[in-house]
Amino acid sequence: MAANYNNSAWFYDRLSRIVYGKALVNAQVYLLKHVPANSNVLIAGGGTGWILEELSNIHPTGLNITYVEIAEHMMALSQKRNIASNKVTFINDAIENIVLSTDFDVVITPFLFDNFTEQTLEKVFAHIHSLLKRDGLWLNTDFQLTGKWWQQVLLKTMFLFFKVICGIEASRLPAIGRRFTEAGYKVVDRKTFFGDFIVTEVYTR
């Protein structure tokens, strides 16, 4: 069963700022400069939708965005965002359940993969991979462990909290970077935040 963040929609952004300050937002915004004008964009697991406004600040028009979010309360917040003159198709479902015919120029996965076990990640990754154009860009932001003791403590606390509140299946961080490497992706930009605990990367096929 896929994680559903309905129960946390009303406090999710505020909680993230209390714990991480602006690091979660800054990590995702850093990548958006790579989104080309007039591109087809897939956002999988967009949360409360603030990223739509950030994208629209860069490209006020010309983007064709497919916005996928499983939590209906998160989706309701997303649909209230200012998207300027861009076109956004909202889909309230898990990304792995959706059949899409579009070959996307850009895929954005913000803190999506840490919800999954290795087995589920393999399936979800393969599905999203199939939706990206051969020369497309994949913008991914997530947590990573670099050997600092506090990272493990914070990560375990997060997993326990969101397992209880939102039913996430993961109890440890899956090997996200390995999936990209095995699928033949190369990193074209990379930056870390919050003591290297957050990593944001742009991949190309």
N, C-alpha and C. Protein backbone atom coordinates (compact mmCIF):
# COMPACT_ATOMS: atom_id res chain seq x y z
N MET A 1 0.84 -1.20 0.00
CA MET A 1 0.00 0.00 0.00
C MET A 1 0.88 1.25 0.00
N ALA A 2 0.58 2.20 -0.90
CA ALA A 2 1.38 3.40 -1.01
C ALA A 2 1.15 4.33 0.17
N ALA A 3 2.20 5.04 0.54
CA ALA A 3 2.07 6.02 1.61
C ALA A 3 1.11 7.12 1.18
N ASN A 4 0.37 7.66 2.15
CA ASN A 4 -0.56 8.72 1.86
C ASN A 4 -0.41 9.80 2.92
N TYR A 5 -0.07 11.00 2.46
CA TYR A 5 0.24 12.09 3.37
C TYR A 5 -0.96 12.98 3.68
N ASN A 6 -2.18 12.46 3.51
CA ASN A 6 -3.37 13.22 3.83
C ASN A 6 -3.34 13.75 5.26
N ASN A 7 -2.95 12.89 6.20
CA ASN A 7 -2.98 13.27 7.61
C ASN A 7 -1.99 14.37 7.97
N SER A 8 -1.01 14.58 7.11
CA SER A 8 0.01 15.58 7.41
C SER A 8 -0.09 16.82 6.53
N ALA A 9 -1.08 16.86 5.64
CA ALA A 9 -1.16 17.96 4.68
C ALA A 9 -1.21 19.33 5.34
N TRP A 10 -1.94 19.41 6.44
CA TRP A 10 -2.17 20.72 7.06
C TRP A 10 -0.95 21.26 7.81
N PHE A 11 -0.01 20.37 8.17
CA PHE A 11 1.16 20.85 8.91
C PHE A 11 2.49 20.50 8.25
N TYR A 12 2.47 19.81 7.12
CA TYR A 12 3.69 19.27 6.53
C TYR A 12 4.74 20.35 6.26
N ASP A 13 4.36 21.43 5.57
CA ASP A 13 5.32 22.47 5.22
C ASP A 13 5.86 23.17 6.46
N ARG A 14 4.99 23.42 7.43
CA ARG A 14 5.43 24.09 8.65
C ARG A 14 6.38 23.20 9.45
N LEU A 15 6.08 21.91 9.51
CA LEU A 15 6.96 20.98 10.23
C LEU A 15 8.33 20.91 9.57
N SER A 16 8.35 20.86 8.24
CA SER A 16 9.62 20.76 7.53
C SER A 16 10.49 21.99 7.78
N ARG A 17 9.85 23.16 7.91
CA ARG A 17 10.61 24.39 8.17
C ARG A 17 11.15 24.42 9.60
N ILE A 18 10.38 23.86 10.53
CA ILE A 18 10.84 23.80 11.91
C ILE A 18 12.09 22.93 12.02
N VAL A 19 12.07 21.79 11.33
CA VAL A 19 13.19 20.84 11.41
C VAL A 19 14.36 21.25 10.53
N TYR A 20 14.06 21.67 9.29
CA TYR A 20 15.11 21.87 8.29
C TYR A 20 15.30 23.32 7.86
N GLY A 21 14.52 24.24 8.41
CA GLY A 21 14.60 25.61 7.92
C GLY A 21 14.13 25.66 6.47
N LYS A 22 14.92 26.29 5.64
CA LYS A 22 14.56 26.39 4.21
C LYS A 22 15.30 25.37 3.35
N ALA A 23 15.97 24.43 3.99
CA ALA A 23 16.83 23.49 3.25
C ALA A 23 16.05 22.63 2.25
N LEU A 24 14.88 22.12 2.65
CA LEU A 24 14.10 21.27 1.75
C LEU A 24 13.65 22.06 0.52
N VAL A 25 13.22 23.30 0.76
CA VAL A 25 12.77 24.15 -0.34
C VAL A 25 13.95 24.55 -1.21
N ASN A 26 15.01 25.03 -0.60
CA ASN A 26 16.18 25.48 -1.37
C ASN A 26 16.78 24.38 -2.23
N ALA A 27 16.77 23.15 -1.71
CA ALA A 27 17.32 22.02 -2.47
C ALA A 27 16.54 21.77 -3.74
N GLN A 28 15.23 21.88 -3.66
CA GLN A 28 14.39 21.66 -4.83
C GLN A 28 14.44 22.83 -5.80
N VAL A 29 14.43 24.04 -5.26
CA VAL A 29 14.47 25.24 -6.11
C VAL A 29 15.78 25.30 -6.89
N TYR A 30 16.86 24.83 -6.29
CA TYR A 30 18.17 24.85 -6.95
C TYR A 30 18.12 24.17 -8.32
N LEU A 31 17.34 23.11 -8.44
CA LEU A 31 17.29 22.33 -9.67
C LEU A 31 16.47 22.97 -10.78
N LEU A 32 15.54 23.83 -10.41
CA LEU A 32 14.53 24.29 -11.37
C LEU A 32 15.10 25.11 -12.52
N LYS A 33 16.28 25.67 -12.34
CA LYS A 33 16.91 26.44 -13.41
C LYS A 33 17.24 25.56 -14.62
N HIS A 34 17.26 24.24 -14.42
CA HIS A 34 17.56 23.32 -15.50
C HIS A 34 16.33 23.00 -16.36
N VAL A 35 15.16 23.38 -15.92
CA VAL A 35 13.95 23.08 -16.69
C VAL A 35 13.90 23.98 -17.91
N PRO A 36 13.90 23.40 -19.12
CA PRO A 36 13.89 24.22 -20.33
C PRO A 36 12.52 24.87 -20.55
N ALA A 37 12.52 25.98 -21.26
CA ALA A 37 11.26 26.62 -21.63
C ALA A 37 10.45 25.69 -22.53
N ASN A 38 9.14 25.82 -22.46
CA ASN A 38 8.21 25.09 -23.34
C ASN A 38 8.39 23.57 -23.27
N SER A 39 8.66 23.06 -22.08
CA SER A 39 8.89 21.63 -21.93
C SER A 39 7.70 20.93 -21.27
N ASN A 40 7.62 19.63 -21.51
CA ASN A 40 6.64 18.78 -20.84
C ASN A 40 7.27 18.26 -19.56
N VAL A 41 6.64 18.55 -18.43
CA VAL A 41 7.23 18.26 -17.12
C VAL A 41 6.33 17.33 -16.32
N LEU A 42 6.92 16.30 -15.75
CA LEU A 42 6.21 15.41 -14.83
C LEU A 42 6.73 15.65 -13.42
N ILE A 43 5.81 15.98 -12.51
CA ILE A 43 6.16 16.10 -11.10
C ILE A 43 5.47 14.97 -10.35
N ALA A 44 6.25 14.08 -9.77
CA ALA A 44 5.70 12.91 -9.08
C ALA A 44 5.88 13.07 -7.58
N GLY A 45 4.77 13.17 -6.86
CA GLY A 45 4.82 13.36 -5.42
C GLY A 45 5.12 14.80 -5.06
N GLY A 46 4.30 15.71 -5.58
CA GLY A 46 4.58 17.14 -5.43
C GLY A 46 4.20 17.76 -4.11
N GLY A 47 3.50 17.01 -3.26
CA GLY A 47 3.14 17.54 -1.95
C GLY A 47 2.13 18.66 -2.03
N THR A 48 2.40 19.75 -1.33
CA THR A 48 1.44 20.86 -1.24
C THR A 48 1.48 21.79 -2.45
N GLY A 49 2.39 21.56 -3.36
CA GLY A 49 2.34 22.25 -4.64
C GLY A 49 3.08 23.57 -4.73
N TRP A 50 3.81 23.94 -3.70
CA TRP A 50 4.54 25.21 -3.79
C TRP A 50 5.53 25.23 -4.95
N ILE A 51 6.01 24.06 -5.35
CA ILE A 51 6.98 23.99 -6.44
C ILE A 51 6.38 24.48 -7.75
N LEU A 52 5.07 24.40 -7.90
CA LEU A 52 4.40 24.91 -9.10
C LEU A 52 4.58 26.42 -9.22
N GLU A 53 4.51 27.11 -8.11
CA GLU A 53 4.69 28.55 -8.12
C GLU A 53 6.14 28.92 -8.41
N GLU A 54 7.07 28.15 -7.88
CA GLU A 54 8.48 28.41 -8.16
C GLU A 54 8.81 28.19 -9.63
N LEU A 55 8.24 27.15 -10.21
CA LEU A 55 8.42 26.89 -11.64
C LEU A 55 7.83 28.01 -12.48
N SER A 56 6.66 28.48 -12.06
CA SER A 56 5.97 29.53 -12.81
C SER A 56 6.67 30.87 -12.69
N ASN A 57 7.44 31.06 -11.64
CA ASN A 57 8.25 32.27 -11.53
C ASN A 57 9.37 32.28 -12.57
N ILE A 58 9.89 31.09 -12.88
CA ILE A 58 10.95 30.97 -13.88
C ILE A 58 10.38 30.99 -15.29
N HIS A 59 9.31 30.21 -15.49
CA HIS A 59 8.64 30.12 -16.79
C HIS A 59 7.16 30.44 -16.59
N PRO A 60 6.75 31.69 -16.76
CA PRO A 60 5.34 32.06 -16.54
C PRO A 60 4.39 31.48 -17.57
N THR A 61 4.92 31.00 -18.66
CA THR A 61 4.09 30.42 -19.70
C THR A 61 4.89 29.36 -20.46
N GLY A 62 4.18 28.49 -21.16
CA GLY A 62 4.84 27.53 -22.06
C GLY A 62 5.07 26.14 -21.49
N LEU A 63 4.93 25.97 -20.18
CA LEU A 63 5.14 24.64 -19.59
C LEU A 63 3.86 23.83 -19.64
N ASN A 64 4.01 22.56 -19.93
CA ASN A 64 2.89 21.60 -19.87
C ASN A 64 3.23 20.62 -18.75
N ILE A 65 2.61 20.79 -17.60
CA ILE A 65 2.98 20.06 -16.39
C ILE A 65 1.94 19.01 -16.03
N THR A 66 2.40 17.80 -15.79
CA THR A 66 1.55 16.75 -15.23
C THR A 66 1.94 16.59 -13.78
N TYR A 67 0.98 16.84 -12.90
CA TYR A 67 1.26 16.90 -11.47
C TYR A 67 0.57 15.73 -10.78
N VAL A 68 1.36 14.82 -10.25
CA VAL A 68 0.84 13.58 -9.67
C VAL A 68 1.06 13.60 -8.16
N GLU A 69 -0.01 13.41 -7.40
CA GLU A 69 0.07 13.40 -5.94
C GLU A 69 -1.03 12.48 -5.41
N ILE A 70 -0.65 11.54 -4.56
CA ILE A 70 -1.59 10.54 -4.08
C ILE A 70 -2.53 11.07 -3.00
N ALA A 71 -2.08 12.04 -2.20
CA ALA A 71 -2.88 12.54 -1.09
C ALA A 71 -3.84 13.62 -1.57
N GLU A 72 -5.12 13.38 -1.42
CA GLU A 72 -6.12 14.32 -1.93
C GLU A 72 -6.07 15.66 -1.22
N HIS A 73 -5.71 15.67 0.05
CA HIS A 73 -5.61 16.94 0.77
C HIS A 73 -4.41 17.76 0.28
N MET A 74 -3.33 17.08 -0.03
CA MET A 74 -2.19 17.74 -0.64
C MET A 74 -2.57 18.28 -2.03
N MET A 75 -3.30 17.48 -2.77
CA MET A 75 -3.73 17.88 -4.10
C MET A 75 -4.62 19.12 -4.05
N ALA A 76 -5.50 19.17 -3.07
CA ALA A 76 -6.39 20.33 -2.93
C ALA A 76 -5.60 21.61 -2.71
N LEU A 77 -4.54 21.52 -1.91
CA LEU A 77 -3.68 22.67 -1.69
C LEU A 77 -2.93 23.04 -2.97
N SER A 78 -2.49 22.03 -3.70
CA SER A 78 -1.74 22.26 -4.93
C SER A 78 -2.58 22.98 -5.98
N GLN A 79 -3.84 22.64 -6.06
CA GLN A 79 -4.72 23.21 -7.07
C GLN A 79 -5.03 24.69 -6.83
N LYS A 80 -4.68 25.18 -5.67
CA LYS A 80 -4.89 26.60 -5.35
C LYS A 80 -3.66 27.45 -5.67
N ARG A 81 -2.61 26.83 -6.13
CA ARG A 81 -1.37 27.55 -6.40
C ARG A 81 -1.47 28.40 -7.67
N ASN A 82 -0.66 29.44 -7.71
CA ASN A 82 -0.59 30.31 -8.88
C ASN A 82 0.33 29.67 -9.91
N ILE A 83 -0.22 29.26 -11.03
CA ILE A 83 0.57 28.60 -12.07
C ILE A 83 0.79 29.51 -13.27
N ALA A 84 0.48 30.79 -13.11
CA ALA A 84 0.63 31.78 -14.19
C ALA A 84 -0.14 31.29 -15.43
N SER A 85 0.52 31.27 -16.58
CA SER A 85 -0.16 30.85 -17.81
C SER A 85 0.24 29.45 -18.26
N ASN A 86 0.83 28.70 -17.36
CA ASN A 86 1.20 27.33 -17.68
C ASN A 86 -0.02 26.41 -17.61
N LYS A 87 0.10 25.28 -18.27
CA LYS A 87 -0.97 24.27 -18.24
C LYS A 87 -0.57 23.17 -17.26
N VAL A 88 -1.44 22.87 -16.31
CA VAL A 88 -1.18 21.82 -15.33
C VAL A 88 -2.31 20.82 -15.33
N THR A 89 -1.98 19.56 -15.50
CA THR A 89 -2.94 18.47 -15.37
C THR A 89 -2.71 17.80 -14.02
N PHE A 90 -3.71 17.86 -13.16
CA PHE A 90 -3.60 17.29 -11.82
C PHE A 90 -4.14 15.86 -11.80
N ILE A 91 -3.34 14.95 -11.28
CA ILE A 91 -3.76 13.54 -11.18
C ILE A 91 -3.59 13.09 -9.74
N ASN A 92 -4.70 12.74 -9.12
CA ASN A 92 -4.70 12.34 -7.71
C ASN A 92 -4.59 10.82 -7.61
N ASP A 93 -3.34 10.33 -7.65
CA ASP A 93 -3.09 8.89 -7.61
C ASP A 93 -1.61 8.68 -7.36
N ALA A 94 -1.24 7.45 -7.11
CA ALA A 94 0.18 7.11 -7.00
C ALA A 94 0.78 7.02 -8.39
N ILE A 95 2.00 7.51 -8.55
CA ILE A 95 2.62 7.56 -9.87
C ILE A 95 2.71 6.18 -10.52
N GLU A 96 2.92 5.15 -9.72
CA GLU A 96 3.08 3.80 -10.28
C GLU A 96 1.77 3.23 -10.83
N ASN A 97 0.64 3.87 -10.49
CA ASN A 97 -0.66 3.39 -10.97
C ASN A 97 -1.11 4.05 -12.26
N ILE A 98 -0.37 5.02 -12.73
CA ILE A 98 -0.83 5.87 -13.83
C ILE A 98 -0.17 5.48 -15.15
N VAL A 99 -0.99 5.37 -16.17
CA VAL A 99 -0.51 5.14 -17.53
C VAL A 99 -0.49 6.49 -18.25
N LEU A 100 0.68 6.92 -18.66
CA LEU A 100 0.83 8.19 -19.36
C LEU A 100 1.51 7.94 -20.70
N SER A 101 1.01 8.59 -21.73
CA SER A 101 1.55 8.37 -23.07
C SER A 101 2.63 9.39 -23.44
N THR A 102 2.69 10.47 -22.68
CA THR A 102 3.62 11.55 -23.00
C THR A 102 5.06 11.15 -22.71
N ASP A 103 5.95 11.49 -23.63
CA ASP A 103 7.38 11.39 -23.36
C ASP A 103 7.81 12.71 -22.75
N PHE A 104 8.17 12.71 -21.49
CA PHE A 104 8.46 13.94 -20.78
C PHE A 104 9.88 14.43 -21.01
N ASP A 105 10.02 15.74 -21.12
CA ASP A 105 11.33 16.36 -21.24
C ASP A 105 12.03 16.39 -19.88
N VAL A 106 11.23 16.55 -18.83
CA VAL A 106 11.76 16.68 -17.47
C VAL A 106 10.89 15.88 -16.51
N VAL A 107 11.53 15.16 -15.62
CA VAL A 107 10.84 14.49 -14.51
C VAL A 107 11.39 15.07 -13.21
N ILE A 108 10.49 15.40 -12.29
CA ILE A 108 10.89 15.92 -10.98
C ILE A 108 10.35 15.00 -9.90
N THR A 109 11.23 14.47 -9.07
CA THR A 109 10.82 13.57 -7.97
C THR A 109 11.37 14.13 -6.66
N PRO A 110 10.60 14.95 -5.98
CA PRO A 110 11.05 15.56 -4.73
C PRO A 110 10.72 14.71 -3.50
N PHE A 111 11.74 14.14 -2.90
CA PHE A 111 11.57 13.33 -1.69
C PHE A 111 10.49 12.26 -1.88
N LEU A 112 10.55 11.60 -3.02
CA LEU A 112 9.59 10.54 -3.34
C LEU A 112 10.12 9.17 -2.93
N PHE A 113 11.35 8.88 -3.30
CA PHE A 113 11.86 7.51 -3.19
C PHE A 113 12.14 7.06 -1.77
N ASP A 114 12.30 7.99 -0.83
CA ASP A 114 12.58 7.56 0.54
C ASP A 114 11.37 6.93 1.21
N ASN A 115 10.21 6.97 0.53
CA ASN A 115 9.01 6.34 1.06
C ASN A 115 8.98 4.83 0.85
N PHE A 116 9.85 4.32 -0.01
CA PHE A 116 9.72 2.96 -0.50
C PHE A 116 10.78 2.00 0.03
N THR A 117 10.40 0.72 0.06
CA THR A 117 11.38 -0.34 0.25
C THR A 117 12.14 -0.52 -1.06
N GLU A 118 13.22 -1.29 -1.03
CA GLU A 118 14.01 -1.53 -2.24
C GLU A 118 13.15 -2.14 -3.35
N GLN A 119 12.29 -3.08 -2.98
CA GLN A 119 11.47 -3.77 -3.97
C GLN A 119 10.50 -2.81 -4.65
N THR A 120 9.84 -1.98 -3.86
CA THR A 120 8.89 -1.03 -4.44
C THR A 120 9.62 0.03 -5.24
N LEU A 121 10.76 0.49 -4.73
CA LEU A 121 11.54 1.49 -5.44
C LEU A 121 11.90 1.02 -6.83
N GLU A 122 12.29 -0.23 -6.95
CA GLU A 122 12.66 -0.78 -8.26
C GLU A 122 11.52 -0.64 -9.26
N LYS A 123 10.30 -0.95 -8.82
CA LYS A 123 9.14 -0.87 -9.71
C LYS A 123 8.78 0.57 -10.06
N VAL A 124 8.77 1.43 -9.04
CA VAL A 124 8.41 2.83 -9.26
C VAL A 124 9.44 3.53 -10.14
N PHE A 125 10.71 3.27 -9.86
CA PHE A 125 11.78 3.87 -10.65
C PHE A 125 11.67 3.47 -12.12
N ALA A 126 11.46 2.17 -12.36
CA ALA A 126 11.37 1.67 -13.73
C ALA A 126 10.19 2.31 -14.46
N HIS A 127 9.09 2.51 -13.76
CA HIS A 127 7.91 3.11 -14.38
C HIS A 127 8.18 4.56 -14.78
N ILE A 128 8.77 5.33 -13.88
CA ILE A 128 9.07 6.73 -14.19
C ILE A 128 10.12 6.81 -15.28
N HIS A 129 11.11 5.96 -15.21
CA HIS A 129 12.17 5.90 -16.23
C HIS A 129 11.57 5.74 -17.63
N SER A 130 10.54 4.94 -17.74
CA SER A 130 9.92 4.68 -19.04
C SER A 130 9.19 5.89 -19.60
N LEU A 131 8.91 6.87 -18.76
CA LEU A 131 8.16 8.06 -19.18
C LEU A 131 9.05 9.20 -19.64
N LEU A 132 10.35 9.10 -19.41
CA LEU A 132 11.28 10.18 -19.73
C LEU A 132 11.89 9.98 -21.11
N LYS A 133 11.96 11.07 -21.87
CA LYS A 133 12.60 11.02 -23.18
C LYS A 133 14.06 10.60 -23.07
N ARG A 134 14.57 10.10 -24.15
CA ARG A 134 15.95 9.59 -24.16
C ARG A 134 16.94 10.66 -23.73
N ASP A 135 16.74 11.90 -24.16
CA ASP A 135 17.66 12.98 -23.81
C ASP A 135 17.07 13.89 -22.72
N GLY A 136 16.11 13.35 -21.96
CA GLY A 136 15.44 14.14 -20.95
C GLY A 136 16.26 14.32 -19.68
N LEU A 137 15.75 15.15 -18.79
CA LEU A 137 16.40 15.44 -17.51
C LEU A 137 15.55 14.92 -16.36
N TRP A 138 16.20 14.32 -15.39
CA TRP A 138 15.53 13.84 -14.18
C TRP A 138 16.08 14.63 -13.01
N LEU A 139 15.22 15.39 -12.36
CA LEU A 139 15.60 16.21 -11.21
C LEU A 139 15.13 15.50 -9.94
N ASN A 140 16.08 15.04 -9.15
CA ASN A 140 15.74 14.28 -7.95
C ASN A 140 16.34 14.91 -6.70
N THR A 141 15.53 15.00 -5.66
CA THR A 141 15.99 15.50 -4.37
C THR A 141 15.58 14.51 -3.30
N ASP A 142 16.51 14.16 -2.42
CA ASP A 142 16.18 13.23 -1.36
C ASP A 142 17.26 13.28 -0.28
N PHE A 143 17.07 12.45 0.72
CA PHE A 143 18.04 12.36 1.81
C PHE A 143 19.15 11.39 1.45
N GLN A 144 20.28 11.54 2.12
CA GLN A 144 21.38 10.60 1.97
C GLN A 144 22.12 10.51 3.30
N LEU A 145 22.80 9.39 3.49
CA LEU A 145 23.59 9.20 4.69
C LEU A 145 25.07 9.29 4.33
N THR A 146 25.79 10.18 5.02
CA THR A 146 27.20 10.37 4.72
C THR A 146 28.10 10.02 5.90
N GLY A 147 27.55 9.28 6.86
CA GLY A 147 28.36 8.82 7.98
C GLY A 147 28.26 9.64 9.24
N LYS A 148 27.51 10.72 9.22
CA LYS A 148 27.35 11.57 10.41
C LYS A 148 26.28 10.97 11.31
N TRP A 149 26.58 10.83 12.58
CA TRP A 149 25.70 10.10 13.50
C TRP A 149 24.30 10.70 13.58
N TRP A 150 24.20 12.02 13.53
CA TRP A 150 22.90 12.68 13.68
C TRP A 150 21.98 12.42 12.49
N GLN A 151 22.57 12.11 11.34
CA GLN A 151 21.75 11.80 10.16
C GLN A 151 20.92 10.54 10.39
N GLN A 152 21.56 9.51 10.94
CA GLN A 152 20.86 8.26 11.24
C GLN A 152 19.74 8.49 12.26
N VAL A 153 20.03 9.28 13.28
CA VAL A 153 19.04 9.55 14.32
C VAL A 153 17.84 10.28 13.73
N LEU A 154 18.11 11.31 12.95
CA LEU A 154 17.03 12.10 12.35
C LEU A 154 16.23 11.28 11.36
N LEU A 155 16.93 10.46 10.58
CA LEU A 155 16.25 9.63 9.59
C LEU A 155 15.33 8.61 10.25
N LYS A 156 15.82 7.94 11.28
CA LYS A 156 15.00 6.95 11.98
C LYS A 156 13.78 7.60 12.63
N THR A 157 13.96 8.81 13.16
CA THR A 157 12.85 9.54 13.76
C THR A 157 11.80 9.88 12.71
N MET A 158 12.24 10.31 11.54
CA MET A 158 11.31 10.64 10.45
C MET A 158 10.55 9.42 9.98
N PHE A 159 11.26 8.32 9.78
CA PHE A 159 10.60 7.11 9.31
C PHE A 159 9.54 6.65 10.31
N LEU A 160 9.85 6.67 11.59
CA LEU A 160 8.90 6.25 12.60
C LEU A 160 7.68 7.18 12.62
N PHE A 161 7.92 8.47 12.56
CA PHE A 161 6.83 9.45 12.60
C PHE A 161 5.89 9.27 11.41
N PHE A 162 6.45 9.19 10.21
CA PHE A 162 5.61 9.11 9.02
C PHE A 162 5.04 7.71 8.79
N LYS A 163 5.64 6.70 9.39
CA LYS A 163 5.03 5.37 9.35
C LYS A 163 3.74 5.37 10.17
N VAL A 164 3.78 6.02 11.32
CA VAL A 164 2.60 6.09 12.18
C VAL A 164 1.53 7.01 11.60
N ILE A 165 1.93 8.19 11.14
CA ILE A 165 0.99 9.20 10.68
C ILE A 165 0.47 8.93 9.27
N CYS A 166 1.37 8.50 8.38
CA CYS A 166 1.04 8.42 6.97
C CYS A 166 1.15 7.02 6.36
N GLY A 167 1.63 6.06 7.12
CA GLY A 167 1.67 4.69 6.63
C GLY A 167 2.75 4.41 5.61
N ILE A 168 3.88 5.14 5.66
CA ILE A 168 4.94 4.83 4.70
C ILE A 168 5.47 3.43 4.99
N GLU A 169 5.95 2.75 3.94
CA GLU A 169 6.39 1.36 4.09
C GLU A 169 7.86 1.25 4.46
N ALA A 170 8.62 2.29 4.18
CA ALA A 170 10.08 2.23 4.39
C ALA A 170 10.44 2.39 5.86
N SER A 171 11.50 1.72 6.27
CA SER A 171 12.05 1.90 7.60
C SER A 171 13.54 2.23 7.53
N ARG A 172 14.06 2.23 6.32
CA ARG A 172 15.44 2.67 6.10
C ARG A 172 15.54 3.23 4.69
N LEU A 173 16.59 3.98 4.44
CA LEU A 173 16.74 4.66 3.16
C LEU A 173 17.16 3.66 2.08
N PRO A 174 16.41 3.56 0.99
CA PRO A 174 16.80 2.65 -0.09
C PRO A 174 17.98 3.21 -0.88
N ALA A 175 18.55 2.38 -1.72
CA ALA A 175 19.73 2.78 -2.50
C ALA A 175 19.29 3.55 -3.74
N ILE A 176 18.97 4.82 -3.54
CA ILE A 176 18.41 5.64 -4.61
C ILE A 176 19.45 5.91 -5.70
N GLY A 177 20.62 6.35 -5.29
CA GLY A 177 21.66 6.67 -6.26
C GLY A 177 22.04 5.49 -7.13
N ARG A 178 22.02 4.31 -6.55
CA ARG A 178 22.38 3.10 -7.31
C ARG A 178 21.40 2.84 -8.44
N ARG A 179 20.14 3.17 -8.23
CA ARG A 179 19.13 2.96 -9.27
C ARG A 179 19.47 3.80 -10.50
N PHE A 180 19.84 5.04 -10.28
CA PHE A 180 20.19 5.92 -11.40
C PHE A 180 21.43 5.40 -12.12
N THR A 181 22.42 4.98 -11.36
CA THR A 181 23.66 4.48 -11.95
C THR A 181 23.41 3.23 -12.79
N GLU A 182 22.64 2.30 -12.25
CA GLU A 182 22.37 1.05 -12.96
C GLU A 182 21.53 1.28 -14.21
N ALA A 183 20.73 2.34 -14.21
CA ALA A 183 19.90 2.64 -15.38
C ALA A 183 20.63 3.48 -16.42
N GLY A 184 21.90 3.78 -16.16
CA GLY A 184 22.71 4.48 -17.14
C GLY A 184 22.64 5.99 -17.10
N TYR A 185 22.16 6.55 -16.00
CA TYR A 185 22.08 8.00 -15.88
C TYR A 185 23.42 8.59 -15.46
N LYS A 186 23.64 9.83 -15.88
CA LYS A 186 24.84 10.56 -15.49
C LYS A 186 24.43 11.85 -14.79
N VAL A 187 25.18 12.23 -13.77
CA VAL A 187 24.90 13.46 -13.03
C VAL A 187 25.46 14.66 -13.78
N VAL A 188 24.60 15.67 -14.02
CA VAL A 188 25.06 16.87 -14.70
C VAL A 188 25.12 18.07 -13.74
N ASP A 189 24.48 17.95 -12.60
CA ASP A 189 24.58 18.97 -11.56
C ASP A 189 24.22 18.32 -10.23
N ARG A 190 24.87 18.81 -9.17
CA ARG A 190 24.66 18.20 -7.86
C ARG A 190 25.00 19.22 -6.78
N LYS A 191 24.18 19.24 -5.73
CA LYS A 191 24.46 20.12 -4.60
C LYS A 191 23.85 19.50 -3.35
N THR A 192 24.54 19.67 -2.22
CA THR A 192 24.04 19.14 -0.95
C THR A 192 23.63 20.27 -0.02
N PHE A 193 22.72 19.93 0.90
CA PHE A 193 22.19 20.90 1.85
C PHE A 193 22.10 20.24 3.23
N PHE A 194 21.95 21.07 4.25
CA PHE A 194 21.72 20.62 5.62
C PHE A 194 22.76 19.60 6.06
N GLY A 195 24.02 20.03 6.02
CA GLY A 195 25.10 19.15 6.46
C GLY A 195 25.24 17.89 5.63
N ASP A 196 24.98 18.01 4.32
CA ASP A 196 25.08 16.91 3.35
C ASP A 196 23.97 15.87 3.51
N PHE A 197 23.01 16.11 4.39
CA PHE A 197 21.92 15.15 4.61
C PHE A 197 20.92 15.16 3.46
N ILE A 198 20.82 16.29 2.78
CA ILE A 198 19.92 16.43 1.63
C ILE A 198 20.77 16.58 0.38
N VAL A 199 20.47 15.79 -0.64
CA VAL A 199 21.21 15.87 -1.89
C VAL A 199 20.23 16.09 -3.03
N THR A 200 20.57 17.03 -3.90
CA THR A 200 19.73 17.33 -5.04
C THR A 200 20.56 17.18 -6.30
N GLU A 201 20.05 16.45 -7.29
CA GLU A 201 20.84 16.08 -8.45
C GLU A 201 20.02 16.19 -9.73
N VAL A 202 20.72 16.55 -10.80
CA VAL A 202 20.14 16.54 -12.14
C VAL A 202 20.80 15.42 -12.93
N TYR A 203 19.98 14.52 -13.42
CA TYR A 203 20.48 13.37 -14.19
C TYR A 203 20.04 13.49 -15.64
N THR A 204 20.85 12.95 -16.53
CA THR A 204 20.47 12.82 -17.92
C THR A 204 20.71 11.38 -18.37
N ARG A 205 19.90 10.94 -19.30
CA ARG A 205 20.01 9.57 -19.78
C ARG A 205 21.11 9.43 -20.81
